[in-house]
Protein backbone atom coordinates (compact mmCIF):
# COMPACT_ATOMS: atom_id res chain seq x y z
CA MET A 1 36.15 4.82 38.29
CA ASN A 2 35.52 1.47 39.41
CA PRO A 3 37.57 -1.20 37.66
CA GLY A 4 35.10 -3.26 36.59
CA ILE A 5 32.52 -0.63 35.13
CA ALA A 6 35.61 -0.03 32.94
CA ALA A 7 35.84 -3.12 31.88
CA ARG A 8 32.55 -3.43 31.07
CA GLN A 9 32.66 -0.19 28.77
CA VAL A 10 35.92 -1.03 27.07
CA ALA A 11 34.10 -4.49 26.12
CA LEU A 12 30.81 -2.46 24.89
CA ALA A 13 32.67 0.27 22.64
CA MET A 14 34.53 -3.74 21.48
CA ASP A 15 31.36 -5.36 20.62
CA GLY A 16 29.97 -1.49 18.18
CA ARG A 17 33.06 -1.85 16.87
CA LEU A 18 32.51 -5.49 15.97
CA LEU A 19 29.13 -5.13 15.05
CA LEU A 20 30.40 -2.34 12.89
CA THR A 21 32.47 -4.27 11.16
CA LYS A 22 29.18 -6.66 9.68
CA ILE A 23 26.93 -3.82 8.43
CA PHE A 24 27.50 -3.46 4.23
CA TRP A 25 25.61 -0.34 2.43
CA ASN A 26 24.44 -1.22 -0.69
CA LEU A 27 24.43 2.66 -2.43
CA GLN A 28 23.23 1.47 -5.73
CA SER A 29 21.10 4.40 -7.46
CA ASN A 30 17.81 3.30 -6.91
CA TRP A 31 15.28 1.81 -8.94
CA HIS A 32 12.17 3.57 -8.44
CA TRP A 33 12.46 7.34 -8.35
CA ARG A 34 9.14 9.12 -7.22
CA TYR A 35 10.50 12.68 -6.35
CA HIS A 36 13.22 14.61 -6.88
CA PRO A 37 14.47 16.32 -3.38
CA ASP A 38 14.41 19.87 -1.91
CA VAL A 39 17.58 21.75 -0.55
CA GLN A 40 16.28 20.28 3.13
CA THR A 41 16.16 16.78 2.47
CA LEU A 42 19.05 14.71 3.93
CA SER A 43 21.51 12.96 1.25
CA VAL A 44 21.67 9.11 1.29
CA GLN A 45 24.88 9.12 2.90
CA ASP A 46 23.96 11.47 5.96
CA THR A 47 21.14 9.26 6.25
CA VAL A 48 23.03 6.16 6.76
CA LYS A 49 25.40 7.75 9.24
CA GLY A 50 22.07 8.20 10.79
CA LEU A 51 20.54 4.69 10.51
CA GLN A 52 23.85 3.19 11.50
CA ARG A 53 24.13 5.08 14.35
CA LEU A 54 20.71 4.33 15.37
CA LEU A 55 21.10 0.24 15.07
CA LEU A 56 24.30 0.06 17.24
CA ALA A 57 22.40 2.21 19.52
CA GLU A 58 21.91 1.49 23.67
CA HIS A 59 24.41 -2.08 22.25
CA GLY A 60 22.49 -2.76 19.25
CA VAL A 61 18.72 -2.99 20.80
CA MET A 62 16.41 -1.76 18.11
CA LEU A 63 18.78 -4.17 15.33
CA GLN A 64 18.18 -6.98 18.33
CA GLN A 65 14.64 -6.25 18.81
CA THR A 66 13.98 -6.77 14.90
CA LEU A 67 16.12 -9.67 14.23
CA GLN A 68 13.74 -11.51 17.01
CA LEU A 69 10.73 -10.11 15.62
CA ALA A 70 11.77 -10.73 11.89
CA GLY A 71 12.70 -14.06 12.95
CA ALA A 72 10.05 -15.20 15.32
CA ARG A 73 12.60 -16.55 17.75
CA PRO A 74 15.80 -15.29 20.37
CA VAL A 75 18.67 -14.01 18.29
CA SER A 76 21.48 -12.80 20.03
CA LEU A 77 23.80 -10.10 17.88
CA GLU A 78 26.68 -12.23 18.75
CA ALA A 79 25.08 -14.95 15.92
CA LEU A 80 24.91 -12.03 13.08
CA SER A 81 27.43 -13.01 10.69
CA ARG A 82 26.44 -10.32 8.27
CA LEU A 83 23.92 -7.41 7.61
CA ASP A 84 23.51 -6.13 3.88
CA ILE A 85 21.50 -3.53 3.90
CA ALA A 86 19.68 -1.84 0.64
CA LEU A 87 18.60 1.34 -0.85
CA TYR A 88 15.47 -0.11 -2.40
CA GLN A 89 12.93 3.15 -3.10
CA GLU A 90 12.71 6.83 -3.34
CA GLY A 91 9.90 8.34 -1.73
CA VAL A 92 8.39 11.59 -1.42
CA ASP A 93 8.76 11.97 2.43
CA GLN A 94 10.56 8.74 2.89
CA ARG A 95 13.64 6.37 1.93
CA VAL A 96 12.92 2.50 1.92
CA TRP A 97 15.98 -0.08 2.78
CA ARG A 98 15.94 -3.83 2.22
CA ALA A 99 18.40 -4.94 4.88
CA GLN A 100 18.83 -8.67 4.80
CA ALA A 101 20.83 -10.55 8.09
CA THR A 102 22.46 -13.78 7.21
CA LEU A 103 22.91 -15.94 11.14
CA LEU A 104 26.41 -17.73 12.10
CA ASP A 105 23.91 -20.83 11.21
CA GLY A 106 23.48 -19.99 7.69
CA THR A 107 19.47 -18.93 8.43
CA THR A 108 18.94 -15.24 6.63
CA GLN A 109 16.00 -12.69 7.95
CA LEU A 110 14.69 -9.79 5.80
CA PHE A 111 13.49 -6.32 7.18
CA GLY A 112 12.69 -3.44 5.97
CA ILE A 113 13.90 -0.03 7.39
CA ILE A 114 11.27 3.27 6.39
CA VAL A 115 13.51 6.63 7.29
CA ALA A 116 11.74 9.92 6.72
CA ARG A 117 13.61 12.35 4.28
CA ALA A 118 14.15 14.80 6.61
CA PRO A 119 13.49 16.41 10.14
CA GLY A 120 10.30 17.91 10.57
CA ALA A 121 6.85 17.11 8.75
CA SER A 122 8.35 14.36 7.25
CA SER A 123 9.86 12.43 10.24
CA THR A 124 6.47 13.46 11.92
CA LEU A 125 4.30 11.38 9.44
CA THR A 126 7.06 8.59 10.07
CA GLN A 127 6.02 8.17 13.32
CA ARG A 128 2.49 8.22 12.63
CA ASP A 129 3.12 5.39 9.83
CA PHE A 130 4.47 3.28 12.89
CA SER A 131 2.21 3.82 14.90
CA HIS A 132 -1.06 3.42 13.29
CA LEU A 133 0.20 -0.09 11.74
CA GLN A 134 0.90 -1.11 14.99
CA LEU A 135 -2.90 0.21 15.44
CA LEU A 136 -4.03 -2.01 12.34
CA HIS A 137 -2.10 -4.85 13.57
CA LYS A 138 -3.20 -5.52 16.25
CA GLN A 139 -6.92 -4.92 14.85
CA GLN A 140 -6.51 -7.37 11.81
CA PRO A 141 -2.69 -8.49 10.98
CA ARG A 142 -3.42 -10.19 8.04
CA TYR A 143 -4.10 -7.76 5.96
CA CYS A 144 -1.35 -5.63 6.93
CA VAL A 145 2.48 -5.72 7.21
CA THR A 146 4.25 -6.34 10.85
CA PRO A 147 5.82 -2.89 12.57
CA TYR A 148 8.80 -3.99 14.34
CA ALA A 149 10.64 -1.41 16.46
CA CYS A 150 10.98 2.91 16.29
CA GLY A 151 13.27 4.97 16.88
CA THR A 152 15.13 8.46 16.23
CA ALA A 153 18.42 8.67 13.69
CA PRO A 154 20.61 10.77 15.42
CA VAL A 155 21.64 13.25 12.80
CA ALA A 156 19.98 16.68 11.17
CA GLY A 157 18.25 17.44 14.49
CA GLY A 158 17.03 13.81 14.73
CA VAL A 159 14.61 11.58 11.89
CA ALA A 160 12.39 9.24 12.18
CA ALA A 161 12.83 5.67 11.10
CA TYR A 162 11.25 2.00 11.50
CA THR A 163 11.60 -1.67 11.04
CA VAL A 164 9.43 -3.54 9.73
CA GLU A 165 8.05 -6.97 8.07
CA TRP A 166 9.70 -7.75 4.16
CA LEU A 167 7.95 -9.97 2.22
CA ASP A 168 10.10 -10.84 -0.47
CA SER A 169 7.12 -12.55 -2.36
CA TYR A 170 5.29 -9.50 -2.29
CA LYS A 171 5.22 -6.84 -5.08
CA GLU A 172 4.00 -3.41 -5.14
CA LEU A 173 0.84 -3.09 -6.99
CA VAL A 174 -0.01 0.37 -8.86
CA PHE A 175 -3.33 1.49 -10.60
CA GLU A 176 -1.85 2.59 -14.27
CA VAL A 177 -4.40 4.46 -16.62
CA ALA A 178 -2.11 4.24 -19.26
CA LEU A 179 -2.31 0.49 -19.92
CA ASP A 180 -5.84 -1.11 -21.39
CA GLY A 181 -7.64 1.65 -19.72
CA GLY A 182 -6.40 1.52 -16.57
CA VAL A 183 -5.08 -2.19 -15.48
CA PHE A 184 -3.19 -3.04 -12.23
CA LEU A 185 1.16 -3.26 -12.69
CA VAL A 186 3.32 -5.28 -10.33
CA ASN A 187 5.68 -2.94 -9.84
CA ALA A 188 9.30 -4.21 -8.62
CA HIS A 189 12.47 -3.79 -10.03
CA ALA A 190 13.04 -6.89 -12.81
CA ALA A 191 10.06 -7.93 -12.41
CA HIS A 192 7.85 -6.07 -14.16
CA ARG A 193 3.65 -7.14 -14.88
CA ARG A 194 0.85 -6.18 -15.71
CA CYS A 195 -2.75 -7.03 -15.02
CA SER A 196 -5.44 -8.31 -17.49
CA PRO A 197 -8.32 -6.02 -17.06
CA GLN A 198 -10.20 -8.83 -15.83
CA ALA A 199 -7.43 -9.53 -12.92
CA SER A 200 -7.31 -5.92 -12.15
CA ARG A 201 -11.18 -6.16 -11.72
CA GLN A 202 -10.72 -9.09 -9.08
CA ILE A 203 -7.69 -7.10 -7.61
CA TRP A 204 -10.08 -4.10 -6.92
CA ARG A 205 -12.22 -6.45 -4.99
CA ARG A 206 -9.66 -7.58 -2.80
CA ILE A 207 -8.39 -4.32 -1.88
CA VAL A 208 -11.80 -3.07 -1.20
CA GLU A 209 -12.47 -5.77 1.63
CA ILE A 210 -8.93 -5.45 3.64
CA LEU A 211 -9.83 -1.80 3.44
CA TRP A 212 -13.61 -3.27 5.50
CA TRP A 213 -11.27 -4.92 7.80
CA TYR A 214 -9.85 -1.33 8.70
CA PRO A 215 -12.86 1.29 8.97
CA GLN A 216 -10.77 3.96 10.97
CA LEU A 217 -8.07 3.67 8.18
CA ARG A 218 -7.62 7.07 5.76
CA ALA A 219 -6.22 9.14 3.27
CA VAL A 220 -4.93 5.64 1.29
CA ASN A 221 -3.26 5.79 -2.32
CA ILE A 222 -3.90 3.02 -4.25
CA GLN A 223 -1.85 4.86 -7.13
CA ALA A 224 1.45 5.26 -4.56
CA GLY A 225 2.12 1.69 -3.90
CA ASP A 226 0.59 1.45 -0.37
CA PHE A 227 -0.20 -2.19 -1.20
CA VAL A 228 1.23 -4.89 -2.43
CA GLY A 229 1.04 -8.37 -3.68
CA GLN A 230 1.84 -11.61 -4.65
CA ILE A 231 0.60 -14.47 -7.10
CA GLY A 232 0.43 -18.04 -5.08
CA ALA A 233 0.87 -21.36 -6.30
CA ASP A 234 -2.23 -21.65 -6.81
CA GLY A 235 -3.12 -18.59 -8.84
CA GLN A 236 -4.64 -16.89 -6.08
CA ALA A 237 -3.44 -13.24 -4.92
CA GLU A 238 -2.87 -11.94 -1.64
CA LEU A 239 -2.48 -8.52 -0.97
CA LYS A 240 -0.96 -6.91 2.56
CA LEU A 241 -1.05 -3.26 3.58
CA THR A 242 2.47 -1.06 3.69
CA THR A 243 0.96 2.41 5.17
CA ALA A 244 -1.26 3.73 7.02
CA ARG A 245 -1.19 7.74 6.17
CA ALA A 246 -4.58 8.66 8.76
CA LEU A 247 -6.86 6.84 10.73
CA ALA A 248 -10.55 8.23 11.87
CA PRO A 249 -11.29 6.91 14.73
CA ASP A 250 -14.63 7.75 16.07
CA ALA A 251 -15.61 7.19 12.32
CA THR A 252 -19.43 5.70 11.52
CA SER A 253 -19.29 2.60 9.03
CA VAL A 254 -21.30 5.66 7.09
CA GLU A 255 -18.51 7.83 7.32
CA HIS A 256 -16.16 4.65 6.40
CA LEU A 257 -17.98 3.57 3.16
CA HIS A 258 -17.82 7.43 2.48
CA ALA A 259 -14.13 7.82 2.27
CA MET A 260 -13.75 4.48 1.02
CA LEU A 261 -15.12 5.59 -2.44
CA GLY A 262 -13.08 8.96 -2.87
CA CYS A 263 -9.67 6.88 -2.52
CA LEU A 264 -11.11 4.03 -5.26
CA ILE A 265 -10.39 5.11 -9.17
CA THR A 266 -10.76 3.66 -12.74
CA ALA A 267 -9.66 5.60 -15.75
CA SER A 268 -12.45 7.04 -16.47
CA GLY A 269 -11.68 9.08 -12.86
CA TYR A 270 -9.41 10.72 -14.99
CA LEU A 271 -12.24 12.42 -17.62
CA SER A 272 -14.82 13.17 -14.76
CA ASP A 273 -14.55 16.82 -13.04
CA GLY A 274 -14.37 15.88 -9.71
CA GLN A 275 -18.39 16.23 -9.10
CA GLN A 276 -19.97 14.34 -12.02
CA PRO A 277 -19.53 11.29 -13.04
CA PHE A 278 -17.56 11.19 -16.72
CA HIS A 279 -20.06 11.43 -20.00
CA ARG A 280 -20.18 8.33 -21.94
CA GLN A 281 -20.65 10.15 -25.08
CA MET A 282 -17.56 12.24 -24.48
CA ALA A 283 -16.81 13.83 -27.76
CA CYS A 284 -13.34 13.06 -29.10
CA ASP A 285 -11.71 16.25 -28.65
CA VAL A 286 -13.11 16.87 -24.88
CA PHE A 287 -11.58 12.93 -24.70
CA LEU A 288 -8.12 13.93 -26.13
CA SER A 289 -7.73 17.00 -24.32
CA ARG A 290 -8.16 15.66 -21.17
CA MET A 291 -6.52 12.10 -21.32
CA GLN A 292 -3.24 13.65 -22.74
CA ALA A 293 -2.93 16.42 -20.06
CA VAL A 294 -2.88 13.10 -17.82
CA LEU A 295 -0.52 11.60 -19.44
CA ARG A 296 2.12 14.33 -20.33
CA ARG A 297 3.05 14.75 -17.19
CA ARG A 298 4.85 11.29 -16.96
CA PHE A 299 5.08 10.46 -20.55
CA GLY A 300 6.50 13.36 -22.30
CA ASP A 301 5.85 13.59 -26.41
CA ARG A 302 4.11 9.99 -26.00
CA ALA A 303 1.23 11.35 -24.43
CA PRO A 304 -1.16 12.62 -27.84
CA GLU A 305 0.03 8.51 -29.67
CA LEU A 306 -1.12 6.90 -25.83
CA ALA A 307 -4.16 8.72 -25.09
CA GLN A 308 -5.32 8.04 -29.12
CA ARG A 309 -4.95 4.24 -27.87
CA GLN A 310 -7.26 5.27 -25.11
CA TRP A 311 -9.66 6.80 -26.95
CA ALA A 312 -10.08 3.73 -29.21
CA LEU A 313 -10.23 2.10 -25.53
CA PHE A 314 -12.90 4.47 -24.45
CA GLN A 315 -14.95 4.21 -27.81
CA SER A 316 -15.33 0.41 -27.63
CA GLY A 317 -17.18 0.97 -23.81
CA VAL A 318 -14.16 -0.48 -21.73
CA PHE A 319 -14.28 2.30 -19.38
CA ALA A 320 -17.81 2.41 -18.77
CA GLN A 321 -17.57 -1.18 -18.18
CA GLN A 322 -14.52 -1.23 -15.55
CA GLU A 323 -16.85 1.57 -13.51
CA ASP A 324 -20.08 -0.60 -14.13
CA TRP A 325 -17.17 -3.60 -12.46
CA LEU A 326 -16.11 -1.21 -9.22
CA LYS A 327 -19.31 -0.53 -8.65
CA GLU A 328 -20.11 -4.35 -8.24
CA ASP A 329 -17.22 -4.86 -6.53
CA CYS A 330 -17.15 -2.58 -3.57
CA LEU A 331 -20.75 -4.24 -3.07
CA LEU A 332 -19.41 -7.72 -3.33
CA ALA A 333 -16.08 -7.11 -1.71
CA THR A 334 -18.48 -5.51 1.38
CA TYR A 335 -20.07 -9.22 1.47
CA ASP A 336 -16.77 -10.87 1.13
CA ARG A 337 -16.01 -9.25 4.44
CA TRP A 338 -19.02 -9.73 6.10
CA CYS A 339 -18.95 -13.66 5.41
CA ALA A 340 -16.08 -13.69 7.22
CA ASP A 341 -18.45 -13.42 10.37
CA TYR A 342 -21.86 -14.21 9.14
CA PRO A 343 -23.28 -17.03 7.17
CA ALA A 344 -24.54 -15.85 3.98
CA ALA A 345 -27.85 -14.74 4.54
CA ARG A 346 -26.87 -12.79 7.11
CA ALA A 347 -23.90 -11.03 5.09
CA TRP A 348 -25.84 -10.58 2.83
CA GLN A 349 -28.26 -8.56 4.73
CA LYS A 350 -25.63 -6.51 6.29
CA THR A 351 -24.18 -5.49 3.22
CA ARG A 352 -27.37 -4.19 2.29
CA GLN A 353 -28.16 -2.31 5.49
CA HIS A 354 -24.29 -0.61 4.71
CA TRP A 355 -25.03 0.53 1.15
CA LEU A 356 -28.21 1.40 1.89
CA ALA A 357 -28.16 3.66 4.70
CA TYR A 358 -24.85 5.55 2.83
CA ALA A 359 -27.40 6.12 0.07
CA GLU A 360 -30.03 7.76 2.74
CA ALA A 361 -27.51 9.83 3.95
CA VAL A 362 -26.38 10.95 0.80
CA GLN A 363 -29.64 11.44 -0.54
CA ALA A 364 -30.47 13.32 2.58
CA GLY A 365 -27.68 15.72 1.75
CA GLN A 366 -25.40 14.83 4.95
CA LEU A 367 -22.48 13.46 2.97
CA HIS A 368 -21.08 14.73 -0.54
CA ALA A 369 -22.41 12.78 -3.68
CA SER A 370 -19.40 10.20 -4.56
CA TRP A 371 -18.58 11.48 -8.06
CA TRP A 372 -18.48 8.24 -9.87
CA PHE A 373 -20.93 6.09 -7.70
CA PRO A 374 -24.76 8.21 -7.68
CA ALA A 375 -26.56 6.94 -4.31
CA ALA A 376 -29.63 6.54 -6.54
CA GLU A 377 -27.36 3.60 -8.11
CA ILE A 378 -27.10 1.89 -5.36
CA PRO A 379 -30.12 -0.49 -4.54
CA VAL A 380 -30.70 -1.46 -8.35
CA VAL A 381 -27.10 -2.62 -8.24
CA LEU A 382 -27.58 -4.72 -4.71
CA ASP A 383 -30.74 -6.25 -7.06
CA ARG A 384 -28.66 -6.95 -9.73
CA LEU A 385 -26.33 -8.64 -7.74
CA ALA A 386 -28.60 -10.70 -5.81
CA PRO A 387 -31.73 -11.66 -8.03
CA GLN A 388 -32.69 -14.68 -5.64
CA GLY A 389 -32.00 -12.56 -2.49
CA VAL A 390 -28.16 -13.99 -1.73
CA PRO A 391 -24.80 -13.86 -3.81
CA PRO A 392 -23.67 -17.31 -4.79
CA ALA A 393 -22.11 -18.70 -2.31
CA ALA A 394 -19.35 -19.67 -4.15
CA ALA A 395 -18.00 -15.86 -4.18
CA ARG A 396 -16.96 -16.18 -0.61
CA ARG A 397 -15.75 -19.36 -0.09
CA HIS A 398 -13.42 -19.20 -3.21
CA ARG A 399 -10.47 -16.36 -3.76
CA PRO A 400 -10.43 -15.29 -7.44
CA ARG A 401 -7.94 -15.93 -9.08
CA VAL A 402 -5.45 -13.51 -10.70
CA LEU A 403 -3.56 -14.08 -13.59
CA LEU A 404 -0.36 -11.60 -15.04
CA SER A 405 0.80 -11.05 -18.38
CA GLY A 406 4.07 -11.37 -19.57
CA PRO A 407 6.60 -8.42 -18.65
CA ARG A 408 5.45 -4.93 -19.37
């Protein structure tokens, strides 16, 4: 072997060992457990081995690329002081890790690592998530996290993993049916908060607006934390999409609207048969039976008590009010989206065109009817929102203020 090549290989091996000494893994019990794994799931320890080899492969190219994208500047691995990686969340198909790189100049850079729990379907899904996020981010970067780099961790025949933007100030948002008739929670370790019904309404409106920016997006699961959000100093909420499980690139706007309605839900959705809207005069025994069945899966013996609380809210009209709000906010969010491109009058005209075209398609039998937003109600809600022809301009100039209550 050429002496120069041999010396270079020794130097690279030494560099790899040096880099390895800078990586510290935190395998504390994860705070958010969503799933009990089957026997095919990789252990946390095996996952760490695979990720470590992936990050160090080819002289750390994936790690360097990630640090440069996260810091938006050139970064040499020689400038890395330490890299702390902590298990953050367990999901059905993936594990989520939070990584913090500290450089010799004292600056820090955060990024996330998403890794499949097992080879096969979970790994394929993870690779697809990354490619979908790349497409959506290129289309509109403001409303989804930035994907950095993707690779295959050499463990168990190979499992997919990718690095992604990590936003410490953004927290997972999930819709919780067991509180206040159904509200959003800020779901984060040691920072759980719940939103008021009014604030939850405003979050729904932001989510629907974001879905309009990504018309090909499908399989959105709002109850599984597909969105994260932050509350700014001015009290306004900003949301970002974190997951893109499926895309339908050739879908029409009517098909997109139909799919969007299918992923939205209020607490009343758990009282529906999935075909027809829930009965607003539902008998107590029917309500309690359905609601307890929903709550028992998570709250066990507390389900009857919680269902009684929900019954009191149902009787007061909270469930019906929230469903009516969501109908209005779907239309107003469409208007918000088009106000980014057009003057108010034209934006409202496009909003009407989209929704009336959808209603006509349903009434013509081209699409299945929404179980919670009957097509016949769409013209009525449109007219109610804009009695003078166009909603107030303030609806598009000012983002709604989102207030969080105290700890849950």
